[in-house]
Amino acid sequence: MDGATRPQRLRVGVVGLGRLWEGRHKPSLARLQDRFRVAAVYDQVARRAEIEAAQLGCAACEGLAALVARPDVDVVYLLAPQWFGLHAAFLACEAGKPIYCALPLSGDVAELERLAARVDEAGVPFTPEFARRCYPATLRLRELLATTLGPPRLIVGQSRVVSFDRYAQPGPTTQVVPVPLAIDPGSYLLDWCSFLFGSTPTAVSAAGARVLPHRAPAADDRDFDSFTAHFPGGGTAQVSYSLYHRAEWGEAGRFLPPSGFQVFAERGAAWVEMPDRIQWWDAEGPHEERLPVEPTVGDLLNDQFHRLVHGAPSSAPTIRDALDVARIVADLERGRAGEG
């Protein structure tokens, strides 16, 4: 079934119920009910799926394959990591159903390459969730770079991660799932920089450290990481990201510099604090904006996916964007292993 024959109101099968579902997609799909309807849910905790299905008035599936095969499911949303990894995406490809994927995709580049081949073979739309592209501050910054400030030349910034919080609202300070920093937020920040520069880096290097070795998630993981990426035409991004250790540092977070990004362009500069604050300077002087969050990030992501599924103009990222980032992350990790 191609975009021309899929129903205008897409019937959604949700795989994985967690904070991205509760905080971002459940309210968004409810607001966009003229374009989406949740038909079925599945979670590795069956009782959780039953409770959610009762609230939504939809089906709770006992098996993953059963959800994907349902005739009243047009698209599959993968919103929380489950024990079977990306298996649901492969099943959706076999069924010819578009996929929206919020799972971190840079952890296993070989599996992602296999999935990309299946997506191409099946010809189904696949959208990875690169939410930072849709933050209000990002969208405003892109407008300014295209008009007042001119093309970007240098991005310098830092992001502080307050570990993984299962019940937190989705945002730039918590991880979707406990993974190495190079994957989350590293791969997402690498995509964000590529999005601003409008191209894939030509060269990337990385550095990292263990500030508190006894608190690192695993022996080979770091609690501080960074990359330097060089883009066509001479653009550069220098970005660091680290864990904030609440137990050891306590109130130190009140005195540390805020997480944010300096963006230097040909005719000015900007300071961005995710998701909705931007300050910028041009020849006329300083400006500051606290941007509205309507439409929400979830609404923008789902709208672009809906357009992609129906063959309409869409700015939604594709699996090729995810694969580009995953390959860079894998190269950086191999380089680190070689240095060790």
C-alpha atoms as a PDB file:
ATOM      1  CA  MET A   1       0.000   0.000   0.000  1.00  0.00           C
ATOM      2  CA  ASP A   2       1.573   3.290  -1.080  1.00  0.00           C
ATOM      3  CA  GLY A   3       0.921   6.830   0.069  1.00  0.00           C
ATOM      4  CA  ALA A   4      -1.833   7.346  -2.459  1.00  0.00           C
ATOM      5  CA  THR A   5      -3.850   4.395  -1.122  1.00  0.00           C
ATOM      6  CA  ARG A   6      -3.245   4.671   2.620  1.00  0.00           C
ATOM      7  CA  PRO A   7      -6.182   6.176   4.525  1.00  0.00           C
ATOM      8  CA  GLN A   8      -5.923   9.846   5.381  1.00  0.00           C
ATOM      9  CA  ARG A   9      -6.514   9.033   9.036  1.00  0.00           C
ATOM     10  CA  LEU A  10      -3.718   6.656   9.937  1.00  0.00           C
ATOM     11  CA  ARG A  11      -4.441   3.845  12.378  1.00  0.00           C
ATOM     12  CA  VAL A  12      -1.490   3.490  14.722  1.00  0.00           C
ATOM     13  CA  GLY A  13      -0.027   0.439  16.406  1.00  0.00           C
ATOM     14  CA  VAL A  14       2.093   1.556  19.381  1.00  0.00           C
ATOM     15  CA  VAL A  15       4.991  -0.611  20.552  1.00  0.00           C
ATOM     16  CA  GLY A  16       6.491   0.326  23.920  1.00  0.00           C
ATOM     17  CA  LEU A  17       4.732   2.467  26.509  1.00  0.00           C
ATOM     18  CA  GLY A  18       6.927   4.835  28.473  1.00  0.00           C
ATOM     19  CA  ARG A  19       7.721   8.486  28.998  1.00  0.00           C
ATOM     20  CA  LEU A  20       7.955   9.357  25.286  1.00  0.00           C
ATOM     21  CA  TRP A  21       4.489   7.929  24.840  1.00  0.00           C
ATOM     22  CA  GLU A  22       3.029   9.645  27.902  1.00  0.00           C
ATOM     23  CA  GLY A  23       4.827  12.962  27.572  1.00  0.00           C
ATOM     24  CA  ARG A  24       5.000  13.494  23.821  1.00  0.00           C
ATOM     25  CA  HIS A  25       3.042  11.192  21.520  1.00  0.00           C
ATOM     26  CA  LYS A  26      -0.103  10.258  23.424  1.00  0.00           C
ATOM     27  CA  PRO A  27      -1.222  13.885  23.853  1.00  0.00           C
ATOM     28  CA  SER A  28      -0.063  14.769  20.344  1.00  0.00           C
ATOM     29  CA  LEU A  29      -1.959  11.957  18.611  1.00  0.00           C
ATOM     30  CA  ALA A  30      -5.035  12.941  20.605  1.00  0.00           C
ATOM     31  CA  ARG A  31      -4.741  16.521  19.340  1.00  0.00           C
ATOM     32  CA  LEU A  32      -4.205  15.276  15.775  1.00  0.00           C
ATOM     33  CA  GLN A  33      -7.141  12.887  15.836  1.00  0.00           C
ATOM     34  CA  ASP A  34      -8.234  14.033  12.399  1.00  0.00           C
ATOM     35  CA  ARG A  35      -5.042  12.387  11.088  1.00  0.00           C
ATOM     36  CA  PHE A  36      -4.323   9.603  13.608  1.00  0.00           C
ATOM     37  CA  ARG A  37      -6.185   7.029  15.663  1.00  0.00           C
ATOM     38  CA  VAL A  38      -4.516   4.573  18.032  1.00  0.00           C
ATOM     39  CA  ALA A  39      -5.793   1.121  17.042  1.00  0.00           C
ATOM     40  CA  ALA A  40      -3.621  -1.174  19.172  1.00  0.00           C
ATOM     41  CA  VAL A  41      -0.855  -1.117  21.785  1.00  0.00           C
ATOM     42  CA  TYR A  42       1.795  -3.600  22.862  1.00  0.00           C
ATOM     43  CA  ASP A  43       4.270  -3.531  25.725  1.00  0.00           C
ATOM     44  CA  GLN A  44       6.571  -6.150  27.176  1.00  0.00           C
ATOM     45  CA  VAL A  45       4.680  -5.586  30.438  1.00  0.00           C
ATOM     46  CA  ALA A  46       1.299  -6.965  29.400  1.00  0.00           C
ATOM     47  CA  ARG A  47      -0.621  -5.351  32.246  1.00  0.00           C
ATOM     48  CA  ARG A  48       0.631  -1.910  31.227  1.00  0.00           C
ATOM     49  CA  ALA A  49      -0.717  -2.461  27.708  1.00  0.00           C
ATOM     50  CA  GLU A  50      -4.071  -3.654  29.063  1.00  0.00           C
ATOM     51  CA  ILE A  51      -4.488  -0.551  31.229  1.00  0.00           C
ATOM     52  CA  GLU A  52      -3.535   1.774  28.376  1.00  0.00           C
ATOM     53  CA  ALA A  53      -5.836   0.029  25.911  1.00  0.00           C
ATOM     54  CA  ALA A  54      -8.757   0.323  28.320  1.00  0.00           C
ATOM     55  CA  GLN A  55      -8.152   4.054  28.631  1.00  0.00           C
ATOM     56  CA  LEU A  56      -7.879   4.565  24.882  1.00  0.00           C
ATOM     57  CA  GLY A  57     -10.621   2.155  23.821  1.00  0.00           C
ATOM     58  CA  CYS A  58      -8.271   0.202  21.569  1.00  0.00           C
ATOM     59  CA  ALA A  59      -6.862  -3.330  21.441  1.00  0.00           C
ATOM     60  CA  ALA A  60      -4.104  -4.629  23.729  1.00  0.00           C
ATOM     61  CA  CYS A  61      -2.029  -7.158  21.805  1.00  0.00           C
ATOM     62  CA  GLU A  62      -0.379 -10.080  23.563  1.00  0.00           C
ATOM     63  CA  GLY A  63       2.243 -10.492  20.862  1.00  0.00           C
ATOM     64  CA  LEU A  64       4.327  -8.163  18.754  1.00  0.00           C
ATOM     65  CA  ALA A  65       3.673 -10.016  15.498  1.00  0.00           C
ATOM     66  CA  ALA A  66      -0.055  -9.918  16.209  1.00  0.00           C
ATOM     67  CA  LEU A  67       0.002  -6.132  16.487  1.00  0.00           C
ATOM     68  CA  VAL A  68       1.967  -5.611  13.274  1.00  0.00           C
ATOM     69  CA  ALA A  69      -0.278  -8.030  11.353  1.00  0.00           C
ATOM     70  CA  ARG A  70      -3.556  -6.416  12.400  1.00  0.00           C
ATOM     71  CA  PRO A  71      -5.510  -5.162   9.357  1.00  0.00           C
ATOM     72  CA  ASP A  72      -6.574  -2.071  11.323  1.00  0.00           C
ATOM     73  CA  VAL A  73      -2.946  -0.998  11.911  1.00  0.00           C
ATOM     74  CA  ASP A  74      -1.586   1.177   9.096  1.00  0.00           C
ATOM     75  CA  VAL A  75       1.644   2.427  10.734  1.00  0.00           C
ATOM     76  CA  VAL A  76       3.852   1.186  13.566  1.00  0.00           C
ATOM     77  CA  TYR A  77       5.253   3.480  16.265  1.00  0.00           C
ATOM     78  CA  LEU A  78       8.296   2.189  18.196  1.00  0.00           C
ATOM     79  CA  LEU A  79       8.433   4.430  21.246  1.00  0.00           C
ATOM     80  CA  ALA A  80      10.246   2.589  24.056  1.00  0.00           C
ATOM     81  CA  PRO A  81      13.067   0.033  24.003  1.00  0.00           C
ATOM     82  CA  GLN A  82      11.807  -3.511  24.503  1.00  0.00           C
ATOM     83  CA  TRP A  83      13.635  -6.795  24.928  1.00  0.00           C
ATOM     84  CA  PHE A  84      13.437  -7.575  21.179  1.00  0.00           C
ATOM     85  CA  GLY A  85      15.245  -4.415  19.993  1.00  0.00           C
ATOM     86  CA  LEU A  86      14.444  -3.466  16.395  1.00  0.00           C
ATOM     87  CA  HIS A  87      12.633  -6.715  15.550  1.00  0.00           C
ATOM     88  CA  ALA A  88       9.336  -4.846  15.315  1.00  0.00           C
ATOM     89  CA  ALA A  89      10.756  -2.674  12.539  1.00  0.00           C
ATOM     90  CA  PHE A  90      11.724  -5.742  10.510  1.00  0.00           C
ATOM     91  CA  LEU A  91       8.207  -7.156  10.973  1.00  0.00           C
ATOM     92  CA  ALA A  92       6.696  -3.863   9.829  1.00  0.00           C
ATOM     93  CA  CYS A  93       8.854  -3.943   6.699  1.00  0.00           C
ATOM     94  CA  GLU A  94       7.595  -7.432   5.898  1.00  0.00           C
ATOM     95  CA  ALA A  95       4.038  -6.188   6.332  1.00  0.00           C
ATOM     96  CA  GLY A  96       4.694  -3.088   4.194  1.00  0.00           C
ATOM     97  CA  LYS A  97       3.789  -0.713   7.022  1.00  0.00           C
ATOM     98  CA  PRO A  98       5.526   2.646   7.655  1.00  0.00           C
ATOM     99  CA  ILE A  99       7.598   2.981  10.802  1.00  0.00           C
ATOM    100  CA  TYR A 100       8.095   5.813  13.257  1.00  0.00           C
ATOM    101  CA  CYS A 101      11.061   5.003  15.486  1.00  0.00           C
ATOM    102  CA  ALA A 102      12.011   6.840  18.684  1.00  0.00           C
ATOM    103  CA  LEU A 103      14.592   4.234  19.757  1.00  0.00           C
ATOM    104  CA  PRO A 104      18.293   5.171  19.838  1.00  0.00           C
ATOM    105  CA  LEU A 105      19.650   3.771  16.560  1.00  0.00           C
ATOM    106  CA  SER A 106      23.404   4.349  16.836  1.00  0.00           C
ATOM    107  CA  GLY A 107      24.236   1.468  19.158  1.00  0.00           C
ATOM    108  CA  ASP A 108      24.539  -1.282  16.523  1.00  0.00           C
ATOM    109  CA  VAL A 109      25.458   0.005  13.078  1.00  0.00           C
ATOM    110  CA  ALA A 110      25.481  -3.481  11.504  1.00  0.00           C
ATOM    111  CA  GLU A 111      21.875  -4.125  12.559  1.00  0.00           C
ATOM    112  CA  LEU A 112      20.850  -0.664  11.369  1.00  0.00           C
ATOM    113  CA  GLU A 113      22.449  -1.337   7.986  1.00  0.00           C
ATOM    114  CA  ARG A 114      20.434  -4.564   7.715  1.00  0.00           C
ATOM    115  CA  LEU A 115      17.283  -2.659   8.629  1.00  0.00           C
ATOM    116  CA  ALA A 116      18.032   0.090   6.098  1.00  0.00           C
ATOM    117  CA  ALA A 117      18.378  -2.551   3.389  1.00  0.00           C
ATOM    118  CA  ARG A 118      14.990  -4.030   4.352  1.00  0.00           C
ATOM    119  CA  VAL A 119      13.367  -0.582   4.433  1.00  0.00           C
ATOM    120  CA  ASP A 120      14.690   0.123   0.928  1.00  0.00           C
ATOM    121  CA  GLU A 121      13.609  -3.295  -0.331  1.00  0.00           C
ATOM    122  CA  ALA A 122      10.117  -2.943   1.120  1.00  0.00           C
ATOM    123  CA  GLY A 123       9.820   0.693   0.038  1.00  0.00           C
ATOM    124  CA  VAL A 124       8.211   1.768   3.313  1.00  0.00           C
ATOM    125  CA  PRO A 125       8.643   5.185   4.933  1.00  0.00           C
ATOM    126  CA  PHE A 126      10.833   5.138   8.047  1.00  0.00           C
ATOM    127  CA  THR A 127      11.229   8.170  10.308  1.00  0.00           C
ATOM    128  CA  PRO A 128      13.761   8.237  13.156  1.00  0.00           C
ATOM    129  CA  GLU A 129      12.916  10.631  15.957  1.00  0.00           C
ATOM    130  CA  PHE A 130      15.460  13.455  15.853  1.00  0.00           C
ATOM    131  CA  ALA A 131      13.375  15.698  18.078  1.00  0.00           C
ATOM    132  CA  ARG A 132      15.952  18.477  18.474  1.00  0.00           C
ATOM    133  CA  ARG A 133      15.314  19.398  14.848  1.00  0.00           C
ATOM    134  CA  CYS A 134      11.807  20.449  15.884  1.00  0.00           C
ATOM    135  CA  TYR A 135      12.587  22.364  19.078  1.00  0.00           C
ATOM    136  CA  PRO A 136      11.269  25.932  18.843  1.00  0.00           C
ATOM    137  CA  ALA A 137      14.767  27.358  19.370  1.00  0.00           C
ATOM    138  CA  THR A 138      16.122  25.245  16.505  1.00  0.00           C
ATOM    139  CA  LEU A 139      13.413  26.323  14.088  1.00  0.00           C
ATOM    140  CA  ARG A 140      13.902  29.992  14.975  1.00  0.00           C
ATOM    141  CA  LEU A 141      17.670  29.642  14.650  1.00  0.00           C
ATOM    142  CA  ARG A 142      17.269  28.138  11.187  1.00  0.00           C
ATOM    143  CA  GLU A 143      15.131  31.115  10.177  1.00  0.00           C
ATOM    144  CA  LEU A 144      17.765  33.539  11.441  1.00  0.00           C
ATOM    145  CA  LEU A 145      20.620  31.699   9.707  1.00  0.00           C
ATOM    146  CA  ALA A 146      18.685  31.788   6.430  1.00  0.00           C
ATOM    147  CA  THR A 147      18.011  35.532   6.726  1.00  0.00           C
ATOM    148  CA  THR A 148      19.581  37.872   9.276  1.00  0.00           C
ATOM    149  CA  LEU A 149      22.641  36.008  10.546  1.00  0.00           C
ATOM    150  CA  GLY A 150      23.785  34.236   7.405  1.00  0.00           C
ATOM    151  CA  PRO A 151      25.325  30.759   7.073  1.00  0.00           C
ATOM    152  CA  PRO A 152      26.699  29.145  10.253  1.00  0.00           C
ATOM    153  CA  ARG A 153      30.460  28.874  10.625  1.00  0.00           C
ATOM    154  CA  LEU A 154      31.059  27.572  14.158  1.00  0.00           C
ATOM    155  CA  ILE A 155      28.961  25.833  16.816  1.00  0.00           C
ATOM    156  CA  VAL A 156      30.352  25.556  20.336  1.00  0.00           C
ATOM    157  CA  GLY A 157      28.248  24.093  23.101  1.00  0.00           C
ATOM    158  CA  GLN A 158      27.609  21.716  25.926  1.00  0.00           C
ATOM    159  CA  SER A 159      24.772  19.523  27.124  1.00  0.00           C
ATOM    160  CA  ARG A 160      24.410  18.159  30.636  1.00  0.00           C
ATOM    161  CA  VAL A 161      22.541  14.874  31.090  1.00  0.00           C
ATOM    162  CA  VAL A 162      20.782  14.162  34.370  1.00  0.00           C
ATOM    163  CA  SER A 163      21.129  10.405  33.763  1.00  0.00           C
ATOM    164  CA  PHE A 164      18.041   8.361  32.851  1.00  0.00           C
ATOM    165  CA  ASP A 165      14.696   9.148  34.443  1.00  0.00           C
ATOM    166  CA  ARG A 166      11.982   6.688  33.501  1.00  0.00           C
ATOM    167  CA  TYR A 167       9.174   9.062  34.437  1.00  0.00           C
ATOM    168  CA  ALA A 168      10.586  12.395  33.288  1.00  0.00           C
ATOM    169  CA  GLN A 169       9.123  14.451  30.511  1.00  0.00           C
ATOM    170  CA  PRO A 170      11.119  14.027  27.283  1.00  0.00           C
ATOM    171  CA  GLY A 171      13.685  16.707  26.798  1.00  0.00           C
ATOM    172  CA  PRO A 172      17.368  17.453  26.278  1.00  0.00           C
ATOM    173  CA  THR A 173      18.467  16.704  29.854  1.00  0.00           C
ATOM    174  CA  THR A 174      17.381  13.071  30.212  1.00  0.00           C
ATOM    175  CA  GLN A 175      18.074   9.978  28.145  1.00  0.00           C
ATOM    176  CA  VAL A 176      15.402   7.879  26.445  1.00  0.00           C
ATOM    177  CA  VAL A 177      17.145   4.728  27.706  1.00  0.00           C
ATOM    178  CA  PRO A 178      20.368   4.201  29.684  1.00  0.00           C
ATOM    179  CA  VAL A 179      23.038   4.073  26.956  1.00  0.00           C
ATOM    180  CA  PRO A 180      26.577   5.471  26.531  1.00  0.00           C
ATOM    181  CA  LEU A 181      26.733   9.231  26.091  1.00  0.00           C
ATOM    182  CA  ALA A 182      28.092   8.787  22.554  1.00  0.00           C
ATOM    183  CA  ILE A 183      24.663   7.412  21.595  1.00  0.00           C
ATOM    184  CA  ASP A 184      22.393   9.641  23.681  1.00  0.00           C
ATOM    185  CA  PRO A 185      22.805  12.565  23.501  1.00  0.00           C
ATOM    186  CA  GLY A 186      25.931  12.326  21.281  1.00  0.00           C
ATOM    187  CA  SER A 187      24.344  10.928  18.121  1.00  0.00           C
ATOM    188  CA  TYR A 188      21.383  13.316  18.416  1.00  0.00           C
ATOM    189  CA  LEU A 189      23.626  16.356  18.857  1.00  0.00           C
ATOM    190  CA  LEU A 190      25.699  15.245  15.881  1.00  0.00           C
ATOM    191  CA  ASP A 191      22.513  15.094  13.814  1.00  0.00           C
ATOM    192  CA  TRP A 192      21.459  18.511  15.166  1.00  0.00           C
ATOM    193  CA  CYS A 193      24.732  20.090  14.033  1.00  0.00           C
ATOM    194  CA  SER A 194      24.437  18.401  10.625  1.00  0.00           C
ATOM    195  CA  PHE A 195      20.878  19.720  10.366  1.00  0.00           C
ATOM    196  CA  LEU A 196      22.054  23.292  10.989  1.00  0.00           C
ATOM    197  CA  PHE A 197      24.958  23.043   8.554  1.00  0.00           C
ATOM    198  CA  GLY A 198      22.800  21.222   6.018  1.00  0.00           C
ATOM    199  CA  SER A 199      25.379  18.518   5.349  1.00  0.00           C
ATOM    200  CA  THR A 200      27.175  15.484   6.742  1.00  0.00           C
ATOM    201  CA  PRO A 201      30.549  16.063   8.424  1.00  0.00           C
ATOM    202  CA  THR A 202      33.645  15.373   6.344  1.00  0.00           C
ATOM    203  CA  ALA A 203      35.743  14.568   9.429  1.00  0.00           C
ATOM    204  CA  VAL A 204      34.959  13.963  13.095  1.00  0.00           C
ATOM    205  CA  SER A 205      37.161  13.409  16.127  1.00  0.00           C
ATOM    206  CA  ALA A 206      36.207  12.716  19.730  1.00  0.00           C
ATOM    207  CA  ALA A 207      37.494  12.896  23.273  1.00  0.00           C
ATOM    208  CA  GLY A 208      36.156  11.643  26.563  1.00  0.00           C
ATOM    209  CA  ALA A 209      36.910  11.087  30.218  1.00  0.00           C
ATOM    210  CA  ARG A 210      35.646   9.431  33.378  1.00  0.00           C
ATOM    211  CA  VAL A 211      35.243  12.197  35.935  1.00  0.00           C
ATOM    212  CA  LEU A 212      33.877   9.817  38.575  1.00  0.00           C
ATOM    213  CA  PRO A 213      35.054   6.323  37.530  1.00  0.00           C
ATOM    214  CA  HIS A 214      33.115   4.541  40.272  1.00  0.00           C
ATOM    215  CA  ARG A 215      29.852   6.053  38.990  1.00  0.00           C
ATOM    216  CA  ALA A 216      30.328   5.214  35.291  1.00  0.00           C
ATOM    217  CA  PRO A 217      27.531   2.890  34.044  1.00  0.00           C
ATOM    218  CA  ALA A 218      30.112   0.324  32.905  1.00  0.00           C
ATOM    219  CA  ALA A 219      33.862  -0.055  33.031  1.00  0.00           C
ATOM    220  CA  ASP A 220      34.365   1.185  29.466  1.00  0.00           C
ATOM    221  CA  ASP A 221      31.794   4.003  29.579  1.00  0.00           C
ATOM    222  CA  ARG A 222      32.570   7.681  30.075  1.00  0.00           C
ATOM    223  CA  ASP A 223      30.685  10.326  32.002  1.00  0.00           C
ATOM    224  CA  PHE A 224      32.168  13.124  29.861  1.00  0.00           C
ATOM    225  CA  ASP A 225      32.303  13.015  26.074  1.00  0.00           C
ATOM    226  CA  SER A 226      32.778  15.418  23.178  1.00  0.00           C
ATOM    227  CA  PHE A 227      33.181  15.606  19.420  1.00  0.00           C
ATOM    228  CA  THR A 228      34.645  18.044  16.914  1.00  0.00           C
ATOM    229  CA  ALA A 229      33.021  17.842  13.488  1.00  0.00           C
ATOM    230  CA  HIS A 230      34.201  19.546  10.305  1.00  0.00           C
ATOM    231  CA  PHE A 231      31.670  20.283   7.573  1.00  0.00           C
ATOM    232  CA  PRO A 232      31.976  21.097   3.857  1.00  0.00           C
ATOM    233  CA  GLY A 233      32.935  24.723   3.290  1.00  0.00           C
ATOM    234  CA  GLY A 234      34.887  25.038   6.520  1.00  0.00           C
ATOM    235  CA  GLY A 235      32.131  24.916   9.147  1.00  0.00           C
ATOM    236  CA  THR A 236      33.008  23.396  12.523  1.00  0.00           C
ATOM    237  CA  ALA A 237      31.103  22.130  15.556  1.00  0.00           C
ATOM    238  CA  GLN A 238      32.690  21.532  18.975  1.00  0.00           C
ATOM    239  CA  VAL A 239      30.177  19.949  21.333  1.00  0.00           C
ATOM    240  CA  SER A 240      30.568  18.314  24.747  1.00  0.00           C
ATOM    241  CA  TYR A 241      28.052  16.384  26.845  1.00  0.00           C
ATOM    242  CA  SER A 242      28.372  14.934  30.304  1.00  0.00           C
ATOM    243  CA  LEU A 243      26.521  13.310  33.165  1.00  0.00           C
ATOM    244  CA  TYR A 244      25.588  15.440  36.139  1.00  0.00           C
ATOM    245  CA  HIS A 245      26.187  13.437  39.338  1.00  0.00           C
ATOM    246  CA  ARG A 246      23.557  14.650  41.759  1.00  0.00           C
ATOM    247  CA  ALA A 247      24.686  12.549  44.734  1.00  0.00           C
ATOM    248  CA  GLU A 248      28.280  13.787  44.676  1.00  0.00           C
ATOM    249  CA  TRP A 249      27.750  17.347  43.423  1.00  0.00           C
ATOM    250  CA  GLY A 250      24.474  18.268  45.056  1.00  0.00           C
ATOM    251  CA  GLU A 251      23.608  21.917  44.453  1.00  0.00           C
ATOM    252  CA  ALA A 252      26.623  22.517  42.203  1.00  0.00           C
ATOM    253  CA  GLY A 253      24.272  22.537  39.230  1.00  0.00           C
ATOM    254  CA  ARG A 254      22.979  25.926  40.354  1.00  0.00           C
ATOM    255  CA  PHE A 255      26.420  27.448  39.808  1.00  0.00           C
ATOM    256  CA  LEU A 256      27.537  25.648  36.656  1.00  0.00           C
ATOM    257  CA  PRO A 257      27.151  27.377  33.275  1.00  0.00           C
ATOM    258  CA  PRO A 258      23.816  26.566  31.627  1.00  0.00           C
ATOM    259  CA  SER A 259      23.654  23.942  28.928  1.00  0.00           C
ATOM    260  CA  GLY A 260      23.506  25.667  25.586  1.00  0.00           C
ATOM    261  CA  PHE A 261      25.096  26.353  22.220  1.00  0.00           C
ATOM    262  CA  GLN A 262      26.883  29.337  20.741  1.00  0.00           C
ATOM    263  CA  VAL A 263      26.352  29.589  17.001  1.00  0.00           C
ATOM    264  CA  PHE A 264      28.650  31.958  15.118  1.00  0.00           C
ATOM    265  CA  ALA A 265      27.495  32.933  11.634  1.00  0.00           C
ATOM    266  CA  GLU A 266      28.750  35.239   8.883  1.00  0.00           C
ATOM    267  CA  ARG A 267      26.719  38.258  10.044  1.00  0.00           C
ATOM    268  CA  GLY A 268      26.135  37.635  13.732  1.00  0.00           C
ATOM    269  CA  ALA A 269      25.899  35.081  16.511  1.00  0.00           C
ATOM    270  CA  ALA A 270      23.314  33.334  18.657  1.00  0.00           C
ATOM    271  CA  TRP A 271      23.043  31.576  22.006  1.00  0.00           C
ATOM    272  CA  VAL A 272      20.545  28.704  22.140  1.00  0.00           C
ATOM    273  CA  GLU A 273      19.132  26.997  25.216  1.00  0.00           C
ATOM    274  CA  MET A 274      17.014  23.980  24.357  1.00  0.00           C
ATOM    275  CA  PRO A 275      14.185  23.783  23.782  1.00  0.00           C
ATOM    276  CA  ASP A 276      12.736  27.309  23.541  1.00  0.00           C
ATOM    277  CA  ARG A 277      15.163  30.139  24.352  1.00  0.00           C
ATOM    278  CA  ILE A 278      17.369  32.027  21.915  1.00  0.00           C
ATOM    279  CA  GLN A 279      19.460  35.180  22.171  1.00  0.00           C
ATOM    280  CA  TRP A 280      21.048  36.615  19.073  1.00  0.00           C
ATOM    281  CA  TRP A 281      23.209  39.524  18.046  1.00  0.00           C
ATOM    282  CA  ASP A 282      23.541  41.275  14.705  1.00  0.00           C
ATOM    283  CA  ALA A 283      24.675  44.710  13.513  1.00  0.00           C
ATOM    284  CA  GLU A 284      21.631  46.304  15.192  1.00  0.00           C
ATOM    285  CA  GLY A 285      22.415  44.884  18.638  1.00  0.00           C
ATOM    286  CA  PRO A 286      21.127  42.140  20.954  1.00  0.00           C
ATOM    287  CA  HIS A 287      17.783  40.353  20.773  1.00  0.00           C
ATOM    288  CA  GLU A 288      16.189  37.749  23.046  1.00  0.00           C
ATOM    289  CA  GLU A 289      13.205  35.494  22.478  1.00  0.00           C
ATOM    290  CA  ARG A 290      11.397  32.947  24.635  1.00  0.00           C
ATOM    291  CA  LEU A 291       9.528  31.012  22.015  1.00  0.00           C
ATOM    292  CA  PRO A 292       6.031  29.510  22.249  1.00  0.00           C
ATOM    293  CA  VAL A 293       5.780  25.721  22.394  1.00  0.00           C
ATOM    294  CA  GLU A 294       2.731  25.555  20.151  1.00  0.00           C
ATOM    295  CA  PRO A 295       2.581  23.560  18.023  1.00  0.00           C
ATOM    296  CA  THR A 296       4.342  21.098  20.308  1.00  0.00           C
ATOM    297  CA  VAL A 297       7.415  19.118  19.313  1.00  0.00           C
ATOM    298  CA  GLY A 298       5.247  16.003  19.189  1.00  0.00           C
ATOM    299  CA  ASP A 299       2.754  17.685  16.853  1.00  0.00           C
ATOM    300  CA  LEU A 300       5.523  18.748  14.474  1.00  0.00           C
ATOM    301  CA  LEU A 301       7.113  15.279  14.454  1.00  0.00           C
ATOM    302  CA  ASN A 302       3.822  13.505  13.849  1.00  0.00           C
ATOM    303  CA  ASP A 303       2.717  15.984  11.212  1.00  0.00           C
ATOM    304  CA  GLN A 304       5.923  15.464   9.223  1.00  0.00           C
ATOM    305  CA  PHE A 305       5.574  11.680   9.505  1.00  0.00           C
ATOM    306  CA  HIS A 306       1.968  11.873   8.306  1.00  0.00           C
ATOM    307  CA  ARG A 307       3.104  13.894   5.294  1.00  0.00           C
ATOM    308  CA  LEU A 308       5.892  11.436   4.524  1.00  0.00           C
ATOM    309  CA  VAL A 309       3.542   8.457   4.663  1.00  0.00           C
ATOM    310  CA  HIS A 310       1.178  10.111   2.206  1.00  0.00           C
ATOM    311  CA  GLY A 311       3.896  11.242  -0.193  1.00  0.00           C
ATOM    312  CA  ALA A 312       3.428  14.928   0.596  1.00  0.00           C
ATOM    313  CA  PRO A 313       6.372  17.343   0.979  1.00  0.00           C
ATOM    314  CA  SER A 314       7.977  16.534   4.336  1.00  0.00           C
ATOM    315  CA  SER A 315      11.068  17.528   6.268  1.00  0.00           C
ATOM    316  CA  ALA A 316      11.017  14.292   8.262  1.00  0.00           C
ATOM    317  CA  PRO A 317      14.426  12.611   8.588  1.00  0.00           C
ATOM    318  CA  THR A 318      14.887   9.183   7.055  1.00  0.00           C
ATOM    319  CA  ILE A 319      16.710   6.006   7.940  1.00  0.00           C
ATOM    320  CA  ARG A 320      19.610   7.240   5.789  1.00  0.00           C
ATOM    321  CA  ASP A 321      20.047  10.190   8.146  1.00  0.00           C
ATOM    322  CA  ALA A 322      20.131   7.793  11.091  1.00  0.00           C
ATOM    323  CA  LEU A 323      22.600   5.542   9.280  1.00  0.00           C
ATOM    324  CA  ASP A 324      24.939   8.443   8.504  1.00  0.00           C
ATOM    325  CA  VAL A 325      25.064   9.365  12.188  1.00  0.00           C
ATOM    326  CA  ALA A 326      25.412   5.755  13.361  1.00  0.00           C
ATOM    327  CA  ARG A 327      28.378   5.155  11.068  1.00  0.00           C
ATOM    328  CA  ILE A 328      30.153   8.239  12.385  1.00  0.00           C
ATOM    329  CA  VAL A 329      29.537   7.160  15.996  1.00  0.00           C
ATOM    330  CA  ALA A 330      30.855   3.669  15.188  1.00  0.00           C
ATOM    331  CA  ASP A 331      33.984   5.151  13.567  1.00  0.00           C
ATOM    332  CA  LEU A 332      34.603   7.305  16.627  1.00  0.00           C
ATOM    333  CA  GLU A 333      34.236   4.347  18.975  1.00  0.00           C
ATOM    334  CA  ARG A 334      36.632   2.270  16.872  1.00  0.00           C
ATOM    335  CA  GLY A 335      39.086   5.159  16.981  1.00  0.00           C
ATOM    336  CA  ARG A 336      38.840   5.289  20.760  1.00  0.00           C
ATOM    337  CA  ALA A 337      39.381   1.533  21.009  1.00  0.00           C
ATOM    338  CA  GLY A 338      42.487   1.866  18.841  1.00  0.00           C
ATOM    339  CA  GLU A 339      43.859   4.632  21.035  1.00  0.00           C
ATOM    340  CA  GLY A 340      43.359   2.460  24.076  1.00  0.00           C
END
